[in-house]
C-alpha atoms as a PDB file:
ATOM      1  CA  MET A   1     172.056 108.411  47.929  1.00  0.00           C
ATOM      2  CA  THR A   2     171.637 108.021  44.175  1.00  0.00           C
ATOM      3  CA  GLU A   3     168.687 109.517  42.514  1.00  0.00           C
ATOM      4  CA  THR A   4     166.463 107.183  40.554  1.00  0.00           C
ATOM      5  CA  THR A   5     162.857 106.717  39.246  1.00  0.00           C
ATOM      6  CA  ILE A   6     160.265 104.690  40.896  1.00  0.00           C
ATOM      7  CA  HIS A   7     158.708 103.216  37.819  1.00  0.00           C
ATOM      8  CA  THR A   8     155.183 102.560  37.012  1.00  0.00           C
ATOM      9  CA  ILE A   9     154.094 100.146  34.227  1.00  0.00           C
ATOM     10  CA  GLU A  10     153.917 103.157  31.921  1.00  0.00           C
ATOM     11  CA  THR A  11     157.449 104.475  32.629  1.00  0.00           C
ATOM     12  CA  ALA A  12     159.300 101.185  32.946  1.00  0.00           C
ATOM     13  CA  PRO A  13     161.635  99.821  30.319  1.00  0.00           C
ATOM     14  CA  ASP A  14     159.721  97.361  28.058  1.00  0.00           C
ATOM     15  CA  ALA A  15     161.407  94.250  29.502  1.00  0.00           C
ATOM     16  CA  ALA A  16     160.242  95.362  33.021  1.00  0.00           C
ATOM     17  CA  LYS A  17     156.640  95.881  32.149  1.00  0.00           C
ATOM     18  CA  PRO A  18     155.457  92.336  32.407  1.00  0.00           C
ATOM     19  CA  LEU A  19     157.349  92.022  35.693  1.00  0.00           C
ATOM     20  CA  LEU A  20     155.594  95.020  37.108  1.00  0.00           C
ATOM     21  CA  GLU A  21     152.272  93.676  35.901  1.00  0.00           C
ATOM     22  CA  GLY A  22     153.174  90.560  37.850  1.00  0.00           C
ATOM     23  CA  SER A  23     153.697  92.725  40.938  1.00  0.00           C
ATOM     24  CA  VAL A  24     150.309  94.306  40.462  1.00  0.00           C
ATOM     25  CA  LYS A  25     148.673  90.884  40.244  1.00  0.00           C
ATOM     26  CA  ALA A  26     150.493  89.620  43.349  1.00  0.00           C
ATOM     27  CA  PHE A  27     150.283  92.640  45.538  1.00  0.00           C
ATOM     28  CA  GLY A  28     147.510  94.847  44.155  1.00  0.00           C
ATOM     29  CA  SER A  29     150.073  97.552  43.337  1.00  0.00           C
ATOM     30  CA  ILE A  30     153.729  98.011  42.575  1.00  0.00           C
ATOM     31  CA  PRO A  31     155.829  97.955  45.689  1.00  0.00           C
ATOM     32  CA  ASN A  32     158.330 100.817  45.665  1.00  0.00           C
ATOM     33  CA  LEU A  33     161.230  98.362  45.704  1.00  0.00           C
ATOM     34  CA  HIS A  34     159.966  96.814  42.478  1.00  0.00           C
ATOM     35  CA  GLY A  35     159.456 100.168  40.867  1.00  0.00           C
ATOM     36  CA  VAL A  36     163.034 101.219  41.718  1.00  0.00           C
ATOM     37  CA  MET A  37     164.463  97.822  40.494  1.00  0.00           C
ATOM     38  CA  ALA A  38     162.456  98.088  37.181  1.00  0.00           C
ATOM     39  CA  THR A  39     165.190 100.448  35.865  1.00  0.00           C
ATOM     40  CA  SER A  40     167.300  97.258  35.467  1.00  0.00           C
ATOM     41  CA  PRO A  41     164.830  94.507  34.345  1.00  0.00           C
ATOM     42  CA  ALA A  42     167.617  92.023  35.064  1.00  0.00           C
ATOM     43  CA  LEU A  43     167.805  93.151  38.745  1.00  0.00           C
ATOM     44  CA  LEU A  44     164.058  93.016  39.052  1.00  0.00           C
ATOM     45  CA  GLU A  45     163.739  89.665  37.476  1.00  0.00           C
ATOM     46  CA  ALA A  46     166.584  88.139  39.639  1.00  0.00           C
ATOM     47  CA  TYR A  47     164.978  89.518  42.765  1.00  0.00           C
ATOM     48  CA  LYS A  48     161.563  88.255  41.897  1.00  0.00           C
ATOM     49  CA  GLU A  49     162.969  84.791  41.046  1.00  0.00           C
ATOM     50  CA  LEU A  50     164.910  84.570  44.274  1.00  0.00           C
ATOM     51  CA  SER A  51     161.871  85.739  46.234  1.00  0.00           C
ATOM     52  CA  ARG A  52     159.867  82.882  44.614  1.00  0.00           C
ATOM     53  CA  LEU A  53     162.636  80.378  45.296  1.00  0.00           C
ATOM     54  CA  ALA A  54     162.842  81.561  48.997  1.00  0.00           C
ATOM     55  CA  MET A  55     159.312  80.324  49.457  1.00  0.00           C
ATOM     56  CA  THR A  56     160.302  76.872  48.140  1.00  0.00           C
ATOM     57  CA  THR A  57     163.124  76.266  50.512  1.00  0.00           C
ATOM     58  CA  GLY A  58     162.709  73.830  53.435  1.00  0.00           C
ATOM     59  CA  PHE A  59     162.430  76.704  55.933  1.00  0.00           C
ATOM     60  CA  SER A  60     159.270  77.340  57.866  1.00  0.00           C
ATOM     61  CA  PRO A  61     157.707  80.868  57.998  1.00  0.00           C
ATOM     62  CA  GLU A  62     159.491  81.501  61.285  1.00  0.00           C
ATOM     63  CA  GLU A  63     162.893  80.327  59.918  1.00  0.00           C
ATOM     64  CA  ARG A  64     162.515  82.385  56.746  1.00  0.00           C
ATOM     65  CA  THR A  65     161.623  85.415  59.002  1.00  0.00           C
ATOM     66  CA  VAL A  66     164.784  84.754  61.074  1.00  0.00           C
ATOM     67  CA  ILE A  67     167.053  84.795  58.108  1.00  0.00           C
ATOM     68  CA  TRP A  68     165.256  87.678  56.271  1.00  0.00           C
ATOM     69  CA  MET A  69     165.154  89.782  59.381  1.00  0.00           C
ATOM     70  CA  THR A  70     168.663  89.029  60.567  1.00  0.00           C
ATOM     71  CA  VAL A  71     170.199  90.099  57.265  1.00  0.00           C
ATOM     72  CA  ASN A  72     167.861  93.091  56.989  1.00  0.00           C
ATOM     73  CA  VAL A  73     168.720  94.360  60.395  1.00  0.00           C
ATOM     74  CA  ALA A  74     172.404  93.666  60.007  1.00  0.00           C
ATOM     75  CA  ASN A  75     172.344  95.697  56.668  1.00  0.00           C
ATOM     76  CA  HIS A  76     170.401  98.476  58.272  1.00  0.00           C
ATOM     77  CA  CYS A  77     167.712  98.216  55.575  1.00  0.00           C
ATOM     78  CA  HIS A  78     165.074 100.861  56.419  1.00  0.00           C
ATOM     79  CA  TYR A  79     162.758  99.368  53.824  1.00  0.00           C
ATOM     80  CA  CYS A  80     163.105  95.547  54.277  1.00  0.00           C
ATOM     81  CA  VAL A  81     162.660  95.494  58.040  1.00  0.00           C
ATOM     82  CA  PRO A  82     159.231  97.059  57.948  1.00  0.00           C
ATOM     83  CA  ALA A  83     158.266  94.968  54.876  1.00  0.00           C
ATOM     84  CA  HIS A  84     159.315  91.732  56.375  1.00  0.00           C
ATOM     85  CA  THR A  85     157.683  92.697  59.675  1.00  0.00           C
ATOM     86  CA  GLY A  86     154.353  93.003  57.741  1.00  0.00           C
ATOM     87  CA  ILE A  87     155.017  89.698  55.893  1.00  0.00           C
ATOM     88  CA  ALA A  88     155.774  87.964  59.174  1.00  0.00           C
ATOM     89  CA  LYS A  89     152.653  89.196  60.778  1.00  0.00           C
ATOM     90  CA  ARG A  90     150.699  87.988  57.717  1.00  0.00           C
ATOM     91  CA  GLU A  91     152.308  84.551  58.094  1.00  0.00           C
ATOM     92  CA  LYS A  92     151.281  84.663  61.805  1.00  0.00           C
ATOM     93  CA  VAL A  93     154.873  84.572  63.115  1.00  0.00           C
ATOM     94  CA  SER A  94     154.999  85.376  66.764  1.00  0.00           C
ATOM     95  CA  ASN A  95     155.343  88.990  67.802  1.00  0.00           C
ATOM     96  CA  ASP A  96     157.929  87.818  70.328  1.00  0.00           C
ATOM     97  CA  ILE A  97     160.129  86.527  67.457  1.00  0.00           C
ATOM     98  CA  ILE A  98     159.524  89.586  65.329  1.00  0.00           C
ATOM     99  CA  ASP A  99     160.386  91.974  68.085  1.00  0.00           C
ATOM    100  CA  ALA A 100     163.484  90.234  69.105  1.00  0.00           C
ATOM    101  CA  LEU A 101     164.768  90.244  65.564  1.00  0.00           C
ATOM    102  CA  ARG A 102     163.968  93.973  65.116  1.00  0.00           C
ATOM    103  CA  GLU A 103     165.699  94.760  68.442  1.00  0.00           C
ATOM    104  CA  GLU A 104     168.649  92.472  67.843  1.00  0.00           C
ATOM    105  CA  THR A 105     168.060  90.405  70.974  1.00  0.00           C
ATOM    106  CA  PRO A 106     168.439  86.567  71.312  1.00  0.00           C
ATOM    107  CA  LEU A 107     165.391  84.547  70.426  1.00  0.00           C
ATOM    108  CA  ALA A 108     163.817  82.303  73.160  1.00  0.00           C
ATOM    109  CA  ASP A 109     163.613  79.274  70.790  1.00  0.00           C
ATOM    110  CA  ALA A 110     167.139  77.681  70.803  1.00  0.00           C
ATOM    111  CA  LYS A 111     166.944  76.333  67.225  1.00  0.00           C
ATOM    112  CA  LEU A 112     165.789  79.744  65.876  1.00  0.00           C
ATOM    113  CA  GLU A 113     168.517  81.532  67.873  1.00  0.00           C
ATOM    114  CA  THR A 114     171.107  79.098  66.321  1.00  0.00           C
ATOM    115  CA  LEU A 115     169.782  79.974  62.897  1.00  0.00           C
ATOM    116  CA  ARG A 116     169.939  83.782  63.641  1.00  0.00           C
ATOM    117  CA  SER A 117     173.440  83.467  65.119  1.00  0.00           C
ATOM    118  CA  PHE A 118     174.649  81.335  62.110  1.00  0.00           C
ATOM    119  CA  THR A 119     172.973  83.834  59.666  1.00  0.00           C
ATOM    120  CA  LEU A 120     174.752  86.724  61.347  1.00  0.00           C
ATOM    121  CA  ALA A 121     178.131  84.847  61.482  1.00  0.00           C
ATOM    122  CA  LEU A 122     177.817  84.070  57.752  1.00  0.00           C
ATOM    123  CA  ARG A 123     177.234  87.719  57.053  1.00  0.00           C
ATOM    124  CA  GLU A 124     179.924  89.097  59.336  1.00  0.00           C
ATOM    125  CA  ASN A 125     182.509  86.609  58.021  1.00  0.00           C
ATOM    126  CA  HIS A 126     181.760  87.037  54.374  1.00  0.00           C
ATOM    127  CA  GLY A 127     180.462  83.514  53.901  1.00  0.00           C
ATOM    128  CA  ARG A 128     183.163  81.912  56.033  1.00  0.00           C
ATOM    129  CA  PRO A 129     181.565  80.924  59.377  1.00  0.00           C
ATOM    130  CA  SER A 130     183.825  79.381  62.006  1.00  0.00           C
ATOM    131  CA  ALA A 131     183.950  75.691  62.561  1.00  0.00           C
ATOM    132  CA  ASP A 132     182.152  76.225  65.843  1.00  0.00           C
ATOM    133  CA  ASP A 133     179.326  78.223  64.118  1.00  0.00           C
ATOM    134  CA  LEU A 134     178.967  75.528  61.539  1.00  0.00           C
ATOM    135  CA  ALA A 135     178.951  72.832  64.173  1.00  0.00           C
ATOM    136  CA  ALA A 136     176.219  74.634  66.135  1.00  0.00           C
ATOM    137  CA  PHE A 137     174.116  75.014  62.935  1.00  0.00           C
ATOM    138  CA  ARG A 138     174.382  71.230  62.296  1.00  0.00           C
ATOM    139  CA  SER A 139     173.709  70.348  65.887  1.00  0.00           C
ATOM    140  CA  ALA A 140     170.466  72.363  65.736  1.00  0.00           C
ATOM    141  CA  GLY A 141     169.333  69.926  63.003  1.00  0.00           C
ATOM    142  CA  TYR A 142     170.305  71.809  59.891  1.00  0.00           C
ATOM    143  CA  ASP A 143     171.956  70.013  57.018  1.00  0.00           C
ATOM    144  CA  ASP A 144     173.669  70.894  53.686  1.00  0.00           C
ATOM    145  CA  LYS A 145     170.407  71.613  52.047  1.00  0.00           C
ATOM    146  CA  ALA A 146     169.447  74.089  54.736  1.00  0.00           C
ATOM    147  CA  LEU A 147     172.868  75.690  54.385  1.00  0.00           C
ATOM    148  CA  GLN A 148     172.400  76.059  50.703  1.00  0.00           C
ATOM    149  CA  ASP A 149     168.694  77.211  50.987  1.00  0.00           C
ATOM    150  CA  LEU A 150     169.943  79.910  53.471  1.00  0.00           C
ATOM    151  CA  LEU A 151     172.143  81.188  50.631  1.00  0.00           C
ATOM    152  CA  VAL A 152     169.159  81.617  48.321  1.00  0.00           C
ATOM    153  CA  ILE A 153     167.447  83.851  50.903  1.00  0.00           C
ATOM    154  CA  PHE A 154     170.726  85.669  51.784  1.00  0.00           C
ATOM    155  CA  ALA A 155     171.154  86.415  48.007  1.00  0.00           C
ATOM    156  CA  GLN A 156     167.651  87.756  47.818  1.00  0.00           C
ATOM    157  CA  LYS A 157     168.297  90.059  50.740  1.00  0.00           C
ATOM    158  CA  VAL A 158     171.591  91.334  49.235  1.00  0.00           C
ATOM    159  CA  LEU A 159     169.750  92.532  46.147  1.00  0.00           C
ATOM    160  CA  SER A 160     166.918  94.185  48.020  1.00  0.00           C
ATOM    161  CA  ASN A 161     169.025  95.570  50.997  1.00  0.00           C
ATOM    162  CA  TYR A 162     171.649  97.122  48.709  1.00  0.00           C
ATOM    163  CA  THR A 163     169.198  98.503  46.288  1.00  0.00           C
ATOM    164  CA  ASN A 164     167.280 100.249  49.238  1.00  0.00           C
ATOM    165  CA  ALA A 165     170.552 101.590  50.570  1.00  0.00           C
ATOM    166  CA  LEU A 166     171.740 102.877  47.234  1.00  0.00           C
ATOM    167  CA  PHE A 167     168.384 104.587  46.304  1.00  0.00           C
ATOM    168  CA  GLU A 168     166.742 105.126  49.753  1.00  0.00           C
ATOM    169  CA  THR A 169     163.536 103.405  48.509  1.00  0.00           C
ATOM    170  CA  PRO A 170     160.545 104.944  50.224  1.00  0.00           C
ATOM    171  CA  VAL A 171     158.688 102.550  52.544  1.00  0.00           C
ATOM    172  CA  ASP A 172     155.337 101.618  51.074  1.00  0.00           C
ATOM    173  CA  GLY A 173     152.209 102.912  53.006  1.00  0.00           C
ATOM    174  CA  MET A 174     151.087  99.415  54.004  1.00  0.00           C
ATOM    175  CA  PHE A 175     154.456  98.919  55.735  1.00  0.00           C
ATOM    176  CA  GLN A 176     154.879 102.302  57.307  1.00  0.00           C
ATOM    177  CA  PRO A 177     153.214 101.284  60.615  1.00  0.00           C
ATOM    178  CA  PHE A 178     156.252  98.982  61.033  1.00  0.00           C
ATOM    179  CA  ALA A 179     158.850 101.634  60.391  1.00  0.00           C
ATOM    180  CA  TRP A 180     162.287 100.930  61.867  1.00  0.00           C
ATOM    181  CA  GLN A 181     165.574 102.606  62.376  1.00  0.00           C
ATOM    182  CA  PRO A 182     168.878 100.859  63.244  1.00  0.00           C
ATOM    183  CA  ARG A 183     170.160 101.173  66.826  1.00  0.00           C
ATOM    184  CA  VAL A 184     173.486 102.391  65.469  1.00  0.00           C
ATOM    185  CA  ALA A 185     173.582 104.622  62.393  1.00  0.00           C
ATOM    186  CA  ALA A 186     174.820 103.033  59.158  1.00  0.00           C
ATOM    187  CA  GLU A 187     178.471 103.912  58.404  1.00  0.00           C
END
């Protein structure tokens, strides 16, 4: 773990202050992830912009949840799994979907399972899914736009998952009821 500061508006670098003020307006407080990222205003701004863009993709709340949680779980993100559990519940995503993603079990919905499997294949193969994985993704009804939109969400998760791994960001109180540990300890 690397020691860092969880910034407030008062302690943040000047360039991060308006970004943190935006976090307070959006969430009522500064999420710990944003406070950690504020040390690098560029990182915080990139993350916030990717988060905004993730919401503009063609994916439904269920599909976004599948992508977010698949990457979060695969990356053993102790912070993002609880956070996205809370977000999914707020967006009224089925508990069956949320639980399956947290437990790394196949999803009952075939299209969502294809999206989960493809997202995992993309991660495990460093952006080089097999021809079969890509064919299954397309057969499920996803096109090139969906493939590229998935990369936006994937990039968002890399920024947050890696930040949380490096700095062991404490889980915010509102997400602690959804605490999660990976089935296998991170290497």
